[in-house]
C-alpha atoms as a PDB file:
ATOM      1  CA  MET A   1     109.066 126.703  94.755  1.00  0.00           C
ATOM      2  CA  TYR A   2     106.983 129.852  94.717  1.00  0.00           C
ATOM      3  CA  HIS A   3     105.999 131.330  91.318  1.00  0.00           C
ATOM      4  CA  LYS A   4     103.990 134.354  90.673  1.00  0.00           C
ATOM      5  CA  ASN A   5     101.394 132.349  88.535  1.00  0.00           C
ATOM      6  CA  SER A   6     101.360 129.324  90.653  1.00  0.00           C
ATOM      7  CA  GLY A   7     101.538 130.353  94.264  1.00  0.00           C
ATOM      8  CA  LEU A   8     102.814 128.414  97.268  1.00  0.00           C
ATOM      9  CA  ILE A   9     103.355 124.742  97.880  1.00  0.00           C
ATOM     10  CA  ILE A  10     102.168 124.136 101.494  1.00  0.00           C
ATOM     11  CA  THR A  11     102.379 120.834 103.264  1.00  0.00           C
ATOM     12  CA  ILE A  12     100.513 119.648 106.295  1.00  0.00           C
ATOM     13  CA  ASP A  13     101.590 116.464 107.960  1.00  0.00           C
ATOM     14  CA  GLY A  14     100.448 114.688 111.231  1.00  0.00           C
ATOM     15  CA  PRO A  15      98.997 111.683 112.811  1.00  0.00           C
ATOM     16  CA  ALA A  16      95.333 110.584 112.631  1.00  0.00           C
ATOM     17  CA  GLY A  17      92.971 112.948 114.419  1.00  0.00           C
ATOM     18  CA  ALA A  18      95.300 115.864 114.741  1.00  0.00           C
ATOM     19  CA  GLY A  19      92.960 117.984 112.613  1.00  0.00           C
ATOM     20  CA  LYS A  20      95.147 118.145 109.427  1.00  0.00           C
ATOM     21  CA  SER A  21      92.319 117.356 107.048  1.00  0.00           C
ATOM     22  CA  THR A  22      89.943 119.987 108.199  1.00  0.00           C
ATOM     23  CA  VAL A  23      92.737 122.602 108.478  1.00  0.00           C
ATOM     24  CA  ALA A  24      94.214 121.852 105.074  1.00  0.00           C
ATOM     25  CA  ARG A  25      90.840 121.919 103.284  1.00  0.00           C
ATOM     26  CA  ILE A  26      89.667 125.161 104.774  1.00  0.00           C
ATOM     27  CA  ILE A  27      93.023 126.801 104.267  1.00  0.00           C
ATOM     28  CA  ALA A  28      93.094 125.739 100.540  1.00  0.00           C
ATOM     29  CA  GLN A  29      89.420 126.973 100.196  1.00  0.00           C
ATOM     30  CA  THR A  30      90.295 130.247 101.811  1.00  0.00           C
ATOM     31  CA  LEU A  31      93.304 130.948  99.676  1.00  0.00           C
ATOM     32  CA  GLY A  32      91.707 129.511  96.474  1.00  0.00           C
ATOM     33  CA  TYR A  33      94.401 126.886  96.288  1.00  0.00           C
ATOM     34  CA  SER A  34      94.046 123.232  95.295  1.00  0.00           C
ATOM     35  CA  TYR A  35      93.682 120.646  98.069  1.00  0.00           C
ATOM     36  CA  ILE A  36      94.893 117.089  98.099  1.00  0.00           C
ATOM     37  CA  ASN A  37      94.650 114.566 100.885  1.00  0.00           C
ATOM     38  CA  THR A  38      97.332 112.009  99.685  1.00  0.00           C
ATOM     39  CA  GLY A  39      96.028 109.535 102.477  1.00  0.00           C
ATOM     40  CA  ASP A  40      93.018 108.932 100.240  1.00  0.00           C
ATOM     41  CA  LEU A  41      95.438 107.302  97.695  1.00  0.00           C
ATOM     42  CA  TYR A  42      96.510 104.806 100.224  1.00  0.00           C
ATOM     43  CA  ARG A  43      93.034 104.358 101.362  1.00  0.00           C
ATOM     44  CA  TYR A  44      91.847 103.732  97.821  1.00  0.00           C
ATOM     45  CA  VAL A  45      94.686 101.076  97.293  1.00  0.00           C
ATOM     46  CA  THR A  46      93.401  99.425 100.601  1.00  0.00           C
ATOM     47  CA  PHE A  47      89.829  99.692  99.326  1.00  0.00           C
ATOM     48  CA  CYS A  48      90.619  97.946  96.145  1.00  0.00           C
ATOM     49  CA  ALA A  49      92.581  95.254  97.918  1.00  0.00           C
ATOM     50  CA  LEU A  50      89.778  94.363 100.243  1.00  0.00           C
ATOM     51  CA  LYS A  51      87.303  94.487  97.385  1.00  0.00           C
ATOM     52  CA  GLU A  52      89.378  91.897  95.511  1.00  0.00           C
ATOM     53  CA  ASN A  53      90.024  89.875  98.732  1.00  0.00           C
ATOM     54  CA  LEU A  54      93.760  90.508  98.582  1.00  0.00           C
ATOM     55  CA  ASN A  55      96.160  89.987 101.427  1.00  0.00           C
ATOM     56  CA  VAL A  56      97.128  93.566 102.422  1.00  0.00           C
ATOM     57  CA  LYS A  57     100.180  92.234 104.419  1.00  0.00           C
ATOM     58  CA  LYS A  58     101.837  90.774 101.233  1.00  0.00           C
ATOM     59  CA  SER A  59     104.346  93.205  99.646  1.00  0.00           C
ATOM     60  CA  GLU A  60     104.337  91.577  96.240  1.00  0.00           C
ATOM     61  CA  VAL A  61     100.549  91.690  96.073  1.00  0.00           C
ATOM     62  CA  MET A  62     100.276  95.389  97.086  1.00  0.00           C
ATOM     63  CA  ASN A  63     103.141  96.272  94.796  1.00  0.00           C
ATOM     64  CA  ALA A  64     101.288  94.801  91.775  1.00  0.00           C
ATOM     65  CA  LEU A  65      97.968  96.368  92.835  1.00  0.00           C
ATOM     66  CA  SER A  66      99.427  99.916  93.491  1.00  0.00           C
ATOM     67  CA  LYS A  67     101.288  99.813  90.192  1.00  0.00           C
ATOM     68  CA  ASN A  68      98.193  98.920  88.390  1.00  0.00           C
ATOM     69  CA  ILE A  69      96.224 101.819  90.085  1.00  0.00           C
ATOM     70  CA  VAL A  70      98.961 104.253  89.269  1.00  0.00           C
ATOM     71  CA  ASP A  71      99.028 103.106  85.654  1.00  0.00           C
ATOM     72  CA  GLN A  72      95.186 103.649  85.495  1.00  0.00           C
ATOM     73  CA  PHE A  73      95.448 107.268  86.777  1.00  0.00           C
ATOM     74  CA  THR A  74      98.337 108.111  84.466  1.00  0.00           C
ATOM     75  CA  LYS A  75      97.352 106.430  81.206  1.00  0.00           C
ATOM     76  CA  LYS A  76      97.024 108.507  78.081  1.00  0.00           C
ATOM     77  CA  HIS A  77      98.651 111.326  80.034  1.00  0.00           C
ATOM     78  CA  GLN A  78      95.306 112.152  81.561  1.00  0.00           C
ATOM     79  CA  HIS A  79      96.613 112.069  85.103  1.00  0.00           C
ATOM     80  CA  LYS A  80      95.354 115.528  86.140  1.00  0.00           C
ATOM     81  CA  GLN A  81      91.871 115.008  84.933  1.00  0.00           C
ATOM     82  CA  ASN A  82      91.667 111.480  86.442  1.00  0.00           C
ATOM     83  CA  LEU A  83      93.074 112.553  89.751  1.00  0.00           C
ATOM     84  CA  GLU A  84      91.006 115.548  89.955  1.00  0.00           C
ATOM     85  CA  LEU A  85      87.812 113.481  89.437  1.00  0.00           C
ATOM     86  CA  PHE A  86      89.188 111.062  92.096  1.00  0.00           C
ATOM     87  CA  PHE A  87      89.579 113.744  94.601  1.00  0.00           C
ATOM     88  CA  GLU A  88      86.309 115.554  93.898  1.00  0.00           C
ATOM     89  CA  GLN A  89      84.599 116.210  97.304  1.00  0.00           C
ATOM     90  CA  ASN A  90      81.349 114.608  96.161  1.00  0.00           C
ATOM     91  CA  ASN A  91      82.981 111.439  94.812  1.00  0.00           C
ATOM     92  CA  ILE A  92      80.908 108.427  95.797  1.00  0.00           C
ATOM     93  CA  ILE A  93      84.177 106.663  96.902  1.00  0.00           C
ATOM     94  CA  THR A  94      85.141 109.174  99.559  1.00  0.00           C
ATOM     95  CA  ASP A  95      83.038 107.866 102.336  1.00  0.00           C
ATOM     96  CA  LYS A  96      83.731 104.228 101.560  1.00  0.00           C
ATOM     97  CA  ILE A  97      87.533 104.864 101.812  1.00  0.00           C
ATOM     98  CA  HIS A  98      87.099 106.431 105.240  1.00  0.00           C
ATOM     99  CA  SER A  99      85.176 103.602 106.899  1.00  0.00           C
ATOM    100  CA  PRO A 100      86.347 101.788 110.141  1.00  0.00           C
ATOM    101  CA  ASP A 101      87.405  98.750 108.014  1.00  0.00           C
ATOM    102  CA  ILE A 102      89.786 100.790 105.811  1.00  0.00           C
ATOM    103  CA  ASP A 103      91.036 102.347 109.051  1.00  0.00           C
ATOM    104  CA  LYS A 104      91.986  98.998 110.330  1.00  0.00           C
ATOM    105  CA  ASN A 105      93.895  97.854 107.225  1.00  0.00           C
ATOM    106  CA  VAL A 106      95.305 101.197 105.547  1.00  0.00           C
ATOM    107  CA  SER A 107      98.487 101.244 107.622  1.00  0.00           C
ATOM    108  CA  PHE A 108      99.547  97.702 106.635  1.00  0.00           C
ATOM    109  CA  VAL A 109      99.181  98.816 102.992  1.00  0.00           C
ATOM    110  CA  ALA A 110     101.029 102.034 103.596  1.00  0.00           C
ATOM    111  CA  ARG A 111     103.963 100.425 105.396  1.00  0.00           C
ATOM    112  CA  HIS A 112     105.070  98.671 102.122  1.00  0.00           C
ATOM    113  CA  GLU A 113     108.075 100.282 100.743  1.00  0.00           C
ATOM    114  CA  SER A 114     106.911  99.211  97.097  1.00  0.00           C
ATOM    115  CA  VAL A 115     103.491 100.909  97.552  1.00  0.00           C
ATOM    116  CA  ARG A 116     104.962 104.084  98.926  1.00  0.00           C
ATOM    117  CA  ARG A 117     107.573 104.305  96.059  1.00  0.00           C
ATOM    118  CA  ASN A 118     105.000 103.616  93.374  1.00  0.00           C
ATOM    119  CA  LEU A 119     102.714 106.571  94.743  1.00  0.00           C
ATOM    120  CA  ILE A 120     105.466 109.075  95.074  1.00  0.00           C
ATOM    121  CA  PRO A 121     105.557 110.174  91.297  1.00  0.00           C
ATOM    122  CA  LEU A 122     101.792 110.408  91.370  1.00  0.00           C
ATOM    123  CA  GLN A 123     101.731 112.555  94.509  1.00  0.00           C
ATOM    124  CA  ARG A 124     104.347 114.964  93.045  1.00  0.00           C
ATOM    125  CA  LEU A 125     102.491 115.234  89.813  1.00  0.00           C
ATOM    126  CA  LEU A 126      99.554 116.614  91.829  1.00  0.00           C
ATOM    127  CA  ALA A 127     101.679 119.587  93.029  1.00  0.00           C
ATOM    128  CA  GLU A 128     102.998 120.681  89.579  1.00  0.00           C
ATOM    129  CA  ASN A 129     102.568 124.214  88.498  1.00  0.00           C
ATOM    130  CA  ARG A 130      99.768 125.243  90.725  1.00  0.00           C
ATOM    131  CA  PRO A 131      99.193 126.615  94.299  1.00  0.00           C
ATOM    132  CA  ILE A 132      98.398 123.637  96.553  1.00  0.00           C
ATOM    133  CA  VAL A 133      97.828 122.473 100.129  1.00  0.00           C
ATOM    134  CA  MET A 134      98.843 118.843 100.327  1.00  0.00           C
ATOM    135  CA  GLU A 135      98.386 116.815 103.586  1.00  0.00           C
ATOM    136  CA  GLY A 136      99.445 113.513 104.632  1.00  0.00           C
ATOM    137  CA  ARG A 137     102.160 111.687 106.753  1.00  0.00           C
ATOM    138  CA  ASP A 138     105.241 112.214 104.755  1.00  0.00           C
ATOM    139  CA  ILE A 139     104.576 115.101 102.475  1.00  0.00           C
ATOM    140  CA  GLY A 140     107.039 117.626 103.972  1.00  0.00           C
ATOM    141  CA  SER A 141     109.731 115.129 104.522  1.00  0.00           C
ATOM    142  CA  VAL A 142     109.549 112.842 101.384  1.00  0.00           C
ATOM    143  CA  ILE A 143     107.095 113.903  98.656  1.00  0.00           C
ATOM    144  CA  LEU A 144     107.745 117.651  98.683  1.00  0.00           C
ATOM    145  CA  PRO A 145     110.782 118.345 100.815  1.00  0.00           C
ATOM    146  CA  ASN A 146     111.356 121.651  99.255  1.00  0.00           C
ATOM    147  CA  ALA A 147     107.805 122.901  99.767  1.00  0.00           C
ATOM    148  CA  ASP A 148     107.527 126.690 100.639  1.00  0.00           C
ATOM    149  CA  LEU A 149     105.765 125.994 103.891  1.00  0.00           C
ATOM    150  CA  LYS A 150     105.592 122.957 106.015  1.00  0.00           C
ATOM    151  CA  PHE A 151     103.255 122.389 109.037  1.00  0.00           C
ATOM    152  CA  PHE A 152     103.145 119.505 111.328  1.00  0.00           C
ATOM    153  CA  LEU A 153      99.816 119.172 113.348  1.00  0.00           C
ATOM    154  CA  MET A 154      99.812 117.134 116.467  1.00  0.00           C
ATOM    155  CA  ALA A 155      97.412 116.415 119.450  1.00  0.00           C
ATOM    156  CA  ASP A 156      97.414 114.294 122.472  1.00  0.00           C
ATOM    157  CA  GLU A 157      95.873 110.647 122.112  1.00  0.00           C
ATOM    158  CA  LYS A 158      92.717 111.394 124.086  1.00  0.00           C
ATOM    159  CA  THR A 159      91.823 114.445 121.772  1.00  0.00           C
ATOM    160  CA  ARG A 160      92.569 112.529 118.586  1.00  0.00           C
ATOM    161  CA  THR A 161      90.495 109.512 119.842  1.00  0.00           C
ATOM    162  CA  ILE A 162      87.489 111.672 120.643  1.00  0.00           C
ATOM    163  CA  ARG A 163      87.631 113.522 117.280  1.00  0.00           C
ATOM    164  CA  ARG A 164      87.819 110.384 115.327  1.00  0.00           C
ATOM    165  CA  TYR A 165      85.017 108.784 117.368  1.00  0.00           C
ATOM    166  CA  LYS A 166      82.719 111.788 116.628  1.00  0.00           C
ATOM    167  CA  GLU A 167      83.556 111.778 113.031  1.00  0.00           C
ATOM    168  CA  LEU A 168      82.780 108.163 112.496  1.00  0.00           C
ATOM    169  CA  LEU A 169      79.463 108.534 114.497  1.00  0.00           C
ATOM    170  CA  LYS A 170      78.669 111.421 112.300  1.00  0.00           C
ATOM    171  CA  LYS A 171      79.022 109.190 109.313  1.00  0.00           C
ATOM    172  CA  GLY A 172      76.675 106.649 110.648  1.00  0.00           C
ATOM    173  CA  TYR A 173      79.268 104.095 111.748  1.00  0.00           C
ATOM    174  CA  HIS A 174      78.589 102.059 114.977  1.00  0.00           C
ATOM    175  CA  VAL A 175      81.886 102.193 116.889  1.00  0.00           C
ATOM    176  CA  ASN A 176      82.834 102.391 120.522  1.00  0.00           C
ATOM    177  CA  LEU A 177      85.339 104.745 122.060  1.00  0.00           C
ATOM    178  CA  GLN A 178      87.830 101.997 123.115  1.00  0.00           C
ATOM    179  CA  GLU A 179      87.883 100.404 119.678  1.00  0.00           C
ATOM    180  CA  VAL A 180      88.560 103.846 118.101  1.00  0.00           C
ATOM    181  CA  LYS A 181      91.419 104.348 120.682  1.00  0.00           C
ATOM    182  CA  SER A 182      93.009 101.012 119.984  1.00  0.00           C
ATOM    183  CA  GLU A 183      92.987 101.822 116.191  1.00  0.00           C
ATOM    184  CA  ILE A 184      94.564 105.186 116.772  1.00  0.00           C
ATOM    185  CA  ILE A 185      97.387 103.537 118.940  1.00  0.00           C
ATOM    186  CA  LYS A 186      97.921 100.780 116.497  1.00  0.00           C
ATOM    187  CA  ARG A 187      98.105 103.118 113.600  1.00  0.00           C
ATOM    188  CA  ASP A 188     100.482 105.546 115.342  1.00  0.00           C
ATOM    189  CA  ASN A 189     102.842 102.560 115.961  1.00  0.00           C
ATOM    190  CA  LEU A 190     102.695 101.239 112.417  1.00  0.00           C
ATOM    191  CA  ASP A 191     103.247 104.662 110.946  1.00  0.00           C
ATOM    192  CA  SER A 192     106.087 105.746 113.158  1.00  0.00           C
ATOM    193  CA  LYS A 193     107.871 102.450 112.949  1.00  0.00           C
ATOM    194  CA  ARG A 194     107.710 101.433 109.377  1.00  0.00           C
ATOM    195  CA  GLU A 195     111.160 101.164 107.823  1.00  0.00           C
ATOM    196  CA  PHE A 196     110.489 103.358 104.681  1.00  0.00           C
ATOM    197  CA  SER A 197     109.222 106.915 104.958  1.00  0.00           C
ATOM    198  CA  PRO A 198     107.961 106.814 108.534  1.00  0.00           C
ATOM    199  CA  LEU A 199     105.789 109.379 110.049  1.00  0.00           C
ATOM    200  CA  THR A 200     108.317 112.175 111.124  1.00  0.00           C
ATOM    201  CA  ILE A 201     108.384 115.955 111.755  1.00  0.00           C
ATOM    202  CA  PRO A 202     109.712 117.298 108.612  1.00  0.00           C
ATOM    203  CA  LYS A 203     112.821 119.606 108.653  1.00  0.00           C
ATOM    204  CA  ASP A 204     111.740 123.262 108.988  1.00  0.00           C
ATOM    205  CA  ALA A 205     108.226 122.379 109.713  1.00  0.00           C
ATOM    206  CA  ILE A 206     106.002 124.621 111.957  1.00  0.00           C
ATOM    207  CA  ILE A 207     104.724 122.447 114.745  1.00  0.00           C
ATOM    208  CA  VAL A 208     101.143 123.156 115.942  1.00  0.00           C
ATOM    209  CA  ASP A 209      99.673 121.327 118.914  1.00  0.00           C
ATOM    210  CA  THR A 210      95.996 121.327 118.328  1.00  0.00           C
ATOM    211  CA  SER A 211      94.987 119.477 121.714  1.00  0.00           C
ATOM    212  CA  ASP A 212      93.639 122.561 123.425  1.00  0.00           C
ATOM    213  CA  LYS A 213      92.987 124.826 120.399  1.00  0.00           C
ATOM    214  CA  ASN A 214      89.681 125.774 118.624  1.00  0.00           C
ATOM    215  CA  ILE A 215      89.942 124.745 115.015  1.00  0.00           C
ATOM    216  CA  ASN A 216      89.053 128.375 114.012  1.00  0.00           C
ATOM    217  CA  ASP A 217      92.155 129.479 116.105  1.00  0.00           C
ATOM    218  CA  VAL A 218      94.432 126.981 114.372  1.00  0.00           C
ATOM    219  CA  ILE A 219      93.213 128.014 110.915  1.00  0.00           C
ATOM    220  CA  LYS A 220      93.791 131.681 111.762  1.00  0.00           C
ATOM    221  CA  MET A 221      97.353 130.991 112.875  1.00  0.00           C
ATOM    222  CA  VAL A 222      98.217 129.015 109.913  1.00  0.00           C
ATOM    223  CA  LEU A 223      96.560 131.587 107.523  1.00  0.00           C
ATOM    224  CA  ARG A 224      98.734 134.311 109.169  1.00  0.00           C
ATOM    225  CA  VAL A 225     101.929 132.434 108.526  1.00  0.00           C
ATOM    226  CA  VAL A 226     100.896 131.632 104.898  1.00  0.00           C
ATOM    227  CA  GLN A 227      99.744 135.159 104.013  1.00  0.00           C
ATOM    228  CA  GLY A 228     102.951 136.630 105.570  1.00  0.00           C
ATOM    229  CA  ARG A 229     104.996 134.329 103.312  1.00  0.00           C
ATOM    230  CA  GLU A 230     102.955 135.183 100.227  1.00  0.00           C
ATOM    231  CA  ASN A 231     103.358 138.915 100.838  1.00  0.00           C
ATOM    232  CA  LYS A 232     107.125 138.411 101.182  1.00  0.00           C
ATOM    233  CA  TYR A 233     107.424 136.715  97.881  1.00  0.00           C
ATOM    234  CA  ILE A 234     105.108 139.250  96.065  1.00  0.00           C
ATOM    235  CA  GLU A 235     107.277 142.120  97.428  1.00  0.00           C
ATOM    236  CA  ASN A 236     110.366 140.417  96.056  1.00  0.00           C
ATOM    237  CA  ILE A 237     109.072 140.005  92.592  1.00  0.00           C
END
């Protein structure tokens, strides 16, 4: 998928709290690539559902809502502008879609086959004709199976729980450690056991256990792999 003018397509998958968002964002910034957290799309659908008091467990309801959202993003062929605005770091919606309330409901939304199918074309549009680091839970396996590089970040349950707990406290949410742990376990179970596009290690993915690793060490390791691949392609052009 590499092109001289567009660069590499890089996917980073993994469960909640594995560090994929931090790693993906810094890798993209360092390389000058675009960065997309596709989980934010599912969180946004969840946010809209809760705002409209919709039942997130009803497939037909979530199908209609997600279709409407996709249509809004892609209307008048302005999908790139609309999506770039949505994914802006300073977008006021960002903190709202990463709240504990969204955490408790997003896996119910993401497990609907109709929602996942509706969002696939939108996610693929984001990766067209540009270097990008895209993170999520099925990017390397379903959304971009032919990506140039695939990483799967993982960490033990205790580490992921503490990371998520500290993240929520930093954002001003009042949560307790056991509650965060319960949500991590519940989400792992829902993500890994959903029938359509479950959380799985993509074929050819480089597995990185971040449990006992400093975030800077993880980033350095990923960058070495990426830059080695970039150099290899440039030499063959």
